[in-house]
Amino acid sequence: MAESPRKPELPQDENPWRTAGLVASLGVELAVCIGLGWWLGTMYDDRNGTDYGYLSGVVLGLIAGIGSAVALIRKYTGAGKP
């Protein structure tokens, strides 16, 4: 019986599952940061009787999400390693 040929292992950078995982984690991470910022801003509004805290929370969440996305991409691509 003939052996079936095995596909060669893909290099780590060309693995499509790893890339799909990165894209999915970027979306989830950004959504969580923005949602958490909105929630914290809403809590601030409720305690202080203001109307703008949620917007500040969303902006801060967006900034935090972008910063963490950049860090995740750097980790994925190996940038910053000696």
PDB file of N, CA and C in Angstrom:
ATOM      1  N   MET A   1       0.834  -1.160   0.000  1.00  0.00           N
ATOM      2  CA  MET A   1       0.000   0.000   0.000  1.00  0.00           C
ATOM      3  C   MET A   1       0.892   1.241   0.000  1.00  0.00           C
ATOM      4  N   ALA A   2       0.597   2.160  -0.861  1.00  0.00           N
ATOM      5  CA  ALA A   2       1.428   3.356  -1.009  1.00  0.00           C
ATOM      6  C   ALA A   2       1.095   4.367   0.080  1.00  0.00           C
ATOM      7  N   GLU A   3       2.145   5.019   0.566  1.00  0.00           N
ATOM      8  CA  GLU A   3       1.940   6.042   1.574  1.00  0.00           C
ATOM      9  C   GLU A   3       1.403   7.312   0.933  1.00  0.00           C
ATOM     10  N   SER A   4       0.515   7.979   1.638  1.00  0.00           N
ATOM     11  CA  SER A   4       0.012   9.250   1.123  1.00  0.00           C
ATOM     12  C   SER A   4       1.057  10.320   1.391  1.00  0.00           C
ATOM     13  N   PRO A   5       1.272  11.185   0.431  1.00  0.00           N
ATOM     14  CA  PRO A   5       2.290  12.229   0.630  1.00  0.00           C
ATOM     15  C   PRO A   5       1.813  13.241   1.663  1.00  0.00           C
ATOM     16  N   ARG A   6       2.705  13.585   2.577  1.00  0.00           N
ATOM     17  CA  ARG A   6       2.387  14.588   3.599  1.00  0.00           C
ATOM     18  C   ARG A   6       2.709  15.963   3.067  1.00  0.00           C
ATOM     19  N   LYS A   7       1.877  16.878   3.420  1.00  0.00           N
ATOM     20  CA  LYS A   7       2.143  18.262   3.039  1.00  0.00           C
ATOM     21  C   LYS A   7       3.265  18.788   3.929  1.00  0.00           C
ATOM     22  N   PRO A   8       4.155  19.573   3.356  1.00  0.00           N
ATOM     23  CA  PRO A   8       5.235  20.121   4.192  1.00  0.00           C
ATOM     24  C   PRO A   8       4.671  21.132   5.185  1.00  0.00           C
ATOM     25  N   GLU A   9       5.314  21.221   6.335  1.00  0.00           N
ATOM     26  CA  GLU A   9       4.909  22.172   7.354  1.00  0.00           C
ATOM     27  C   GLU A   9       5.119  23.593   6.832  1.00  0.00           C
ATOM     28  N   LEU A  10       4.132  24.443   7.069  1.00  0.00           N
ATOM     29  CA  LEU A  10       4.256  25.835   6.661  1.00  0.00           C
ATOM     30  C   LEU A  10       5.141  26.579   7.645  1.00  0.00           C
ATOM     31  N   PRO A  11       5.926  27.524   7.149  1.00  0.00           N
ATOM     32  CA  PRO A  11       6.667  28.373   8.089  1.00  0.00           C
ATOM     33  C   PRO A  11       5.680  29.124   8.984  1.00  0.00           C
ATOM     34  N   GLN A  12       6.137  29.527  10.141  1.00  0.00           N
ATOM     35  CA  GLN A  12       5.256  30.150  11.118  1.00  0.00           C
ATOM     36  C   GLN A  12       4.575  31.400  10.557  1.00  0.00           C
ATOM     37  N   ASP A  13       5.252  32.156   9.719  1.00  0.00           N
ATOM     38  CA  ASP A  13       4.673  33.384   9.175  1.00  0.00           C
ATOM     39  C   ASP A  13       3.636  33.118   8.096  1.00  0.00           C
ATOM     40  N   GLU A  14       3.620  31.944   7.510  1.00  0.00           N
ATOM     41  CA  GLU A  14       2.697  31.653   6.420  1.00  0.00           C
ATOM     42  C   GLU A  14       1.531  30.770   6.858  1.00  0.00           C
ATOM     43  N   ASN A  15       1.386  30.529   8.133  1.00  0.00           N
ATOM     44  CA  ASN A  15       0.303  29.705   8.618  1.00  0.00           C
ATOM     45  C   ASN A  15      -0.997  30.513   8.593  1.00  0.00           C
ATOM     46  N   PRO A  16      -1.983  30.097   7.796  1.00  0.00           N
ATOM     47  CA  PRO A  16      -3.213  30.892   7.691  1.00  0.00           C
ATOM     48  C   PRO A  16      -4.025  30.910   8.978  1.00  0.00           C
ATOM     49  N   TRP A  17      -3.939  29.871   9.794  1.00  0.00           N
ATOM     50  CA  TRP A  17      -4.680  29.845  11.053  1.00  0.00           C
ATOM     51  C   TRP A  17      -4.124  30.851  12.040  1.00  0.00           C
ATOM     52  N   ARG A  18      -2.822  31.015  12.026  1.00  0.00           N
ATOM     53  CA  ARG A  18      -2.206  32.007  12.915  1.00  0.00           C
ATOM     54  C   ARG A  18      -2.629  33.419  12.504  1.00  0.00           C
ATOM     55  N   THR A  19      -2.687  33.670  11.216  1.00  0.00           N
ATOM     56  CA  THR A  19      -3.116  34.976  10.731  1.00  0.00           C
ATOM     57  C   THR A  19      -4.586  35.220  11.051  1.00  0.00           C
ATOM     58  N   ALA A  20      -5.423  34.201  10.877  1.00  0.00           N
ATOM     59  CA  ALA A  20      -6.845  34.333  11.209  1.00  0.00           C
ATOM     60  C   ALA A  20      -7.022  34.596  12.703  1.00  0.00           C
ATOM     61  N   GLY A  21      -6.229  33.946  13.522  1.00  0.00           N
ATOM     62  CA  GLY A  21      -6.285  34.184  14.963  1.00  0.00           C
ATOM     63  C   GLY A  21      -5.897  35.609  15.319  1.00  0.00           C
ATOM     64  N   LEU A  22      -4.896  36.141  14.631  1.00  0.00           N
ATOM     65  CA  LEU A  22      -4.471  37.518  14.883  1.00  0.00           C
ATOM     66  C   LEU A  22      -5.585  38.495  14.524  1.00  0.00           C
ATOM     67  N   VAL A  23      -6.198  38.305  13.372  1.00  0.00           N
ATOM     68  CA  VAL A  23      -7.259  39.210  12.934  1.00  0.00           C
ATOM     69  C   VAL A  23      -8.455  39.144  13.887  1.00  0.00           C
ATOM     70  N   ALA A  24      -8.817  37.945  14.299  1.00  0.00           N
ATOM     71  CA  ALA A  24      -9.948  37.797  15.222  1.00  0.00           C
ATOM     72  C   ALA A  24      -9.627  38.421  16.573  1.00  0.00           C
ATOM     73  N   SER A  25      -8.424  38.212  17.067  1.00  0.00           N
ATOM     74  CA  SER A  25      -8.074  38.767  18.376  1.00  0.00           C
ATOM     75  C   SER A  25      -7.989  40.290  18.331  1.00  0.00           C
ATOM     76  N   LEU A  26      -7.579  40.852  17.205  1.00  0.00           N
ATOM     77  CA  LEU A  26      -7.550  42.311  17.089  1.00  0.00           C
ATOM     78  C   LEU A  26      -8.959  42.885  17.196  1.00  0.00           C
ATOM     79  N   GLY A  27      -9.900  42.267  16.508  1.00  0.00           N
ATOM     80  CA  GLY A  27     -11.273  42.754  16.565  1.00  0.00           C
ATOM     81  C   GLY A  27     -11.880  42.634  17.945  1.00  0.00           C
ATOM     82  N   VAL A  28     -11.670  41.499  18.582  1.00  0.00           N
ATOM     83  CA  VAL A  28     -12.221  41.290  19.918  1.00  0.00           C
ATOM     84  C   VAL A  28     -11.578  42.246  20.918  1.00  0.00           C
ATOM     85  N   GLU A  29     -10.279  42.396  20.832  1.00  0.00           N
ATOM     86  CA  GLU A  29      -9.566  43.267  21.774  1.00  0.00           C
ATOM     87  C   GLU A  29     -10.013  44.723  21.638  1.00  0.00           C
ATOM     88  N   LEU A  30     -10.178  45.178  20.417  1.00  0.00           N
ATOM     89  CA  LEU A  30     -10.622  46.551  20.197  1.00  0.00           C
ATOM     90  C   LEU A  30     -12.052  46.743  20.711  1.00  0.00           C
ATOM     91  N   ALA A  31     -12.921  45.781  20.439  1.00  0.00           N
ATOM     92  CA  ALA A  31     -14.309  45.877  20.900  1.00  0.00           C
ATOM     93  C   ALA A  31     -14.391  45.867  22.423  1.00  0.00           C
ATOM     94  N   VAL A  32     -13.588  45.033  23.065  1.00  0.00           N
ATOM     95  CA  VAL A  32     -13.607  44.966  24.535  1.00  0.00           C
ATOM     96  C   VAL A  32     -13.102  46.274  25.139  1.00  0.00           C
ATOM     97  N   CYS A  33     -12.041  46.823  24.581  1.00  0.00           N
ATOM     98  CA  CYS A  33     -11.505  48.085  25.118  1.00  0.00           C
ATOM     99  C   CYS A  33     -12.518  49.217  24.975  1.00  0.00           C
ATOM    100  N   ILE A  34     -13.164  49.314  23.817  1.00  0.00           N
ATOM    101  CA  ILE A  34     -14.150  50.368  23.612  1.00  0.00           C
ATOM    102  C   ILE A  34     -15.360  50.149  24.514  1.00  0.00           C
ATOM    103  N   GLY A  35     -15.820  48.908  24.620  1.00  0.00           N
ATOM    104  CA  GLY A  35     -16.959  48.610  25.494  1.00  0.00           C
ATOM    105  C   GLY A  35     -16.665  48.888  26.945  1.00  0.00           C
ATOM    106  N   LEU A  36     -15.479  48.536  27.395  1.00  0.00           N
ATOM    107  CA  LEU A  36     -15.093  48.807  28.777  1.00  0.00           C
ATOM    108  C   LEU A  36     -14.988  50.310  29.027  1.00  0.00           C
ATOM    109  N   GLY A  37     -14.447  51.039  28.045  1.00  0.00           N
ATOM    110  CA  GLY A  37     -14.375  52.495  28.187  1.00  0.00           C
ATOM    111  C   GLY A  37     -15.756  53.125  28.249  1.00  0.00           C
ATOM    112  N   TRP A  38     -16.674  52.643  27.421  1.00  0.00           N
ATOM    113  CA  TRP A  38     -18.047  53.151  27.452  1.00  0.00           C
ATOM    114  C   TRP A  38     -18.688  52.872  28.811  1.00  0.00           C
ATOM    115  N   TRP A  39     -18.508  51.642  29.305  1.00  0.00           N
ATOM    116  CA  TRP A  39     -19.107  51.258  30.577  1.00  0.00           C
ATOM    117  C   TRP A  39     -18.558  52.111  31.728  1.00  0.00           C
ATOM    118  N   LEU A  40     -17.241  52.276  31.758  1.00  0.00           N
ATOM    119  CA  LEU A  40     -16.641  53.097  32.815  1.00  0.00           C
ATOM    120  C   LEU A  40     -17.099  54.551  32.709  1.00  0.00           C
ATOM    121  N   GLY A  41     -17.213  55.061  31.480  1.00  0.00           N
ATOM    122  CA  GLY A  41     -17.699  56.425  31.290  1.00  0.00           C
ATOM    123  C   GLY A  41     -19.141  56.586  31.723  1.00  0.00           C
ATOM    124  N   THR A  42     -19.959  55.577  31.466  1.00  0.00           N
ATOM    125  CA  THR A  42     -21.358  55.614  31.902  1.00  0.00           C
ATOM    126  C   THR A  42     -21.450  55.583  33.423  1.00  0.00           C
ATOM    127  N   MET A  43     -20.606  54.763  34.048  1.00  0.00           N
ATOM    128  CA  MET A  43     -20.580  54.731  35.510  1.00  0.00           C
ATOM    129  C   MET A  43     -20.172  56.103  36.071  1.00  0.00           C
ATOM    130  N   TYR A  44     -19.218  56.741  35.422  1.00  0.00           N
ATOM    131  CA  TYR A  44     -18.794  58.080  35.826  1.00  0.00           C
ATOM    132  C   TYR A  44     -19.955  59.065  35.695  1.00  0.00           C
ATOM    133  N   ASP A  45     -20.682  58.980  34.579  1.00  0.00           N
ATOM    134  CA  ASP A  45     -21.838  59.856  34.380  1.00  0.00           C
ATOM    135  C   ASP A  45     -22.889  59.659  35.468  1.00  0.00           C
ATOM    136  N   ASP A  46     -23.171  58.421  35.802  1.00  0.00           N
ATOM    137  CA  ASP A  46     -24.197  58.131  36.814  1.00  0.00           C
ATOM    138  C   ASP A  46     -23.810  58.676  38.185  1.00  0.00           C
ATOM    139  N   ARG A  47     -22.553  58.579  38.528  1.00  0.00           N
ATOM    140  CA  ARG A  47     -22.113  59.024  39.860  1.00  0.00           C
ATOM    141  C   ARG A  47     -21.988  60.540  39.968  1.00  0.00           C
ATOM    142  N   ASN A  48     -21.645  61.191  38.854  1.00  0.00           N
ATOM    143  CA  ASN A  48     -21.383  62.630  38.913  1.00  0.00           C
ATOM    144  C   ASN A  48     -22.458  63.471  38.236  1.00  0.00           C
ATOM    145  N   GLY A  49     -23.444  62.862  37.632  1.00  0.00           N
ATOM    146  CA  GLY A  49     -24.523  63.615  37.003  1.00  0.00           C
ATOM    147  C   GLY A  49     -24.096  64.358  35.747  1.00  0.00           C
ATOM    148  N   THR A  50     -23.115  63.840  35.038  1.00  0.00           N
ATOM    149  CA  THR A  50     -22.656  64.487  33.808  1.00  0.00           C
ATOM    150  C   THR A  50     -23.245  63.775  32.593  1.00  0.00           C
ATOM    151  N   ASP A  51     -23.015  64.356  31.420  1.00  0.00           N
ATOM    152  CA  ASP A  51     -23.535  63.772  30.186  1.00  0.00           C
ATOM    153  C   ASP A  51     -22.444  63.454  29.166  1.00  0.00           C
ATOM    154  N   TYR A  52     -21.201  63.656  29.483  1.00  0.00           N
ATOM    155  CA  TYR A  52     -20.126  63.489  28.517  1.00  0.00           C
ATOM    156  C   TYR A  52     -19.124  62.405  28.892  1.00  0.00           C
ATOM    157  N   GLY A  53     -19.260  61.807  30.043  1.00  0.00           N
ATOM    158  CA  GLY A  53     -18.283  60.823  30.521  1.00  0.00           C
ATOM    159  C   GLY A  53     -18.207  59.591  29.645  1.00  0.00           C
ATOM    160  N   TYR A  54     -19.353  59.159  29.106  1.00  0.00           N
ATOM    161  CA  TYR A  54     -19.333  57.979  28.247  1.00  0.00           C
ATOM    162  C   TYR A  54     -18.511  58.222  26.995  1.00  0.00           C
ATOM    163  N   LEU A  55     -18.599  59.453  26.466  1.00  0.00           N
ATOM    164  CA  LEU A  55     -17.843  59.768  25.251  1.00  0.00           C
ATOM    165  C   LEU A  55     -16.342  59.781  25.535  1.00  0.00           C
ATOM    166  N   SER A  56     -15.967  60.334  26.671  1.00  0.00           N
ATOM    167  CA  SER A  56     -14.555  60.313  27.069  1.00  0.00           C
ATOM    168  C   SER A  56     -14.077  58.877  27.262  1.00  0.00           C
ATOM    169  N   GLY A  57     -14.926  58.048  27.860  1.00  0.00           N
ATOM    170  CA  GLY A  57     -14.572  56.648  28.042  1.00  0.00           C
ATOM    171  C   GLY A  57     -14.390  55.909  26.730  1.00  0.00           C
ATOM    172  N   VAL A  58     -15.245  56.199  25.753  1.00  0.00           N
ATOM    173  CA  VAL A  58     -15.127  55.555  24.437  1.00  0.00           C
ATOM    174  C   VAL A  58     -13.826  55.979  23.759  1.00  0.00           C
ATOM    175  N   VAL A  59     -13.499  57.257  23.837  1.00  0.00           N
ATOM    176  CA  VAL A  59     -12.263  57.744  23.210  1.00  0.00           C
ATOM    177  C   VAL A  59     -11.042  57.122  23.890  1.00  0.00           C
ATOM    178  N   LEU A  60     -11.043  57.083  25.215  1.00  0.00           N
ATOM    179  CA  LEU A  60      -9.921  56.464  25.931  1.00  0.00           C
ATOM    180  C   LEU A  60      -9.847  54.967  25.640  1.00  0.00           C
ATOM    181  N   GLY A  61     -10.993  54.305  25.538  1.00  0.00           N
ATOM    182  CA  GLY A  61     -11.013  52.890  25.177  1.00  0.00           C
ATOM    183  C   GLY A  61     -10.475  52.653  23.782  1.00  0.00           C
ATOM    184  N   LEU A  62     -10.805  53.545  22.862  1.00  0.00           N
ATOM    185  CA  LEU A  62     -10.287  53.434  21.492  1.00  0.00           C
ATOM    186  C   LEU A  62      -8.770  53.601  21.469  1.00  0.00           C
ATOM    187  N   ILE A  63      -8.276  54.557  22.214  1.00  0.00           N
ATOM    188  CA  ILE A  63      -6.824  54.773  22.291  1.00  0.00           C
ATOM    189  C   ILE A  63      -6.140  53.548  22.896  1.00  0.00           C
ATOM    190  N   ALA A  64      -6.706  53.029  23.975  1.00  0.00           N
ATOM    191  CA  ALA A  64      -6.127  51.838  24.603  1.00  0.00           C
ATOM    192  C   ALA A  64      -6.190  50.638  23.659  1.00  0.00           C
ATOM    193  N   GLY A  65      -7.286  50.488  22.930  1.00  0.00           N
ATOM    194  CA  GLY A  65      -7.426  49.382  21.981  1.00  0.00           C
ATOM    195  C   GLY A  65      -6.423  49.463  20.850  1.00  0.00           C
ATOM    196  N   ILE A  66      -6.201  50.658  20.335  1.00  0.00           N
ATOM    197  CA  ILE A  66      -5.220  50.833  19.260  1.00  0.00           C
ATOM    198  C   ILE A  66      -3.815  50.536  19.775  1.00  0.00           C
ATOM    199  N   GLY A  67      -3.519  51.010  20.984  1.00  0.00           N
ATOM    200  CA  GLY A  67      -2.198  50.735  21.564  1.00  0.00           C
ATOM    201  C   GLY A  67      -1.961  49.249  21.774  1.00  0.00           C
ATOM    202  N   SER A  68      -2.964  48.548  22.266  1.00  0.00           N
ATOM    203  CA  SER A  68      -2.793  47.108  22.472  1.00  0.00           C
ATOM    204  C   SER A  68      -2.758  46.356  21.145  1.00  0.00           C
ATOM    205  N   ALA A  69      -3.461  46.852  20.133  1.00  0.00           N
ATOM    206  CA  ALA A  69      -3.405  46.224  18.812  1.00  0.00           C
ATOM    207  C   ALA A  69      -2.012  46.370  18.204  1.00  0.00           C
ATOM    208  N   VAL A  70      -1.424  47.543  18.367  1.00  0.00           N
ATOM    209  CA  VAL A  70      -0.060  47.753  17.860  1.00  0.00           C
ATOM    210  C   VAL A  70       0.915  46.818  18.578  1.00  0.00           C
ATOM    211  N   ALA A  71       0.762  46.678  19.880  1.00  0.00           N
ATOM    212  CA  ALA A  71       1.641  45.780  20.634  1.00  0.00           C
ATOM    213  C   ALA A  71       1.459  44.332  20.192  1.00  0.00           C
ATOM    214  N   LEU A  72       0.222  43.930  19.927  1.00  0.00           N
ATOM    215  CA  LEU A  72      -0.038  42.571  19.475  1.00  0.00           C
ATOM    216  C   LEU A  72       0.550  42.313  18.095  1.00  0.00           C
ATOM    217  N   ILE A  73       0.444  43.284  17.204  1.00  0.00           N
ATOM    218  CA  ILE A  73       1.019  43.133  15.860  1.00  0.00           C
ATOM    219  C   ILE A  73       2.537  43.070  15.934  1.00  0.00           C
ATOM    220  N   ARG A  74       3.129  43.881  16.808  1.00  0.00           N
ATOM    221  CA  ARG A  74       4.591  43.823  16.974  1.00  0.00           C
ATOM    222  C   ARG A  74       5.024  42.465  17.500  1.00  0.00           C
ATOM    223  N   LYS A  75       4.248  41.919  18.414  1.00  0.00           N
ATOM    224  CA  LYS A  75       4.576  40.596  18.950  1.00  0.00           C
ATOM    225  C   LYS A  75       4.445  39.538  17.863  1.00  0.00           C
ATOM    226  N   TYR A  76       3.414  39.647  17.038  1.00  0.00           N
ATOM    227  CA  TYR A  76       3.172  38.692  15.964  1.00  0.00           C
ATOM    228  C   TYR A  76       4.269  38.722  14.913  1.00  0.00           C
ATOM    229  N   THR A  77       4.686  39.930  14.524  1.00  0.00           N
ATOM    230  CA  THR A  77       5.682  40.056  13.473  1.00  0.00           C
ATOM    231  C   THR A  77       7.111  39.908  13.980  1.00  0.00           C
ATOM    232  N   GLY A  78       7.290  39.950  15.284  1.00  0.00           N
ATOM    233  CA  GLY A  78       8.630  39.801  15.838  1.00  0.00           C
ATOM    234  C   GLY A  78       9.399  41.101  15.860  1.00  0.00           C
ATOM    235  N   ALA A  79       8.737  42.227  15.641  1.00  0.00           N
ATOM    236  CA  ALA A  79       9.415  43.530  15.670  1.00  0.00           C
ATOM    237  C   ALA A  79       9.820  43.828  17.112  1.00  0.00           C
ATOM    238  N   GLY A  80      10.933  44.472  17.263  1.00  0.00           N
ATOM    239  CA  GLY A  80      11.414  44.839  18.582  1.00  0.00           C
ATOM    240  C   GLY A  80      12.288  43.790  19.231  1.00  0.00           C
ATOM    241  N   LYS A  81      12.476  42.656  18.564  1.00  0.00           N
ATOM    242  CA  LYS A  81      13.381  41.641  19.103  1.00  0.00           C
ATOM    243  C   LYS A  81      14.796  41.956  18.657  1.00  0.00           C
ATOM    244  N   PRO A  82      15.770  41.657  19.518  1.00  0.00           N
ATOM    245  CA  PRO A  82      17.159  41.951  19.136  1.00  0.00           C
ATOM    246  C   PRO A  82      17.660  41.050  18.039  1.00  0.00           C
TER     247      PRO A  82
END
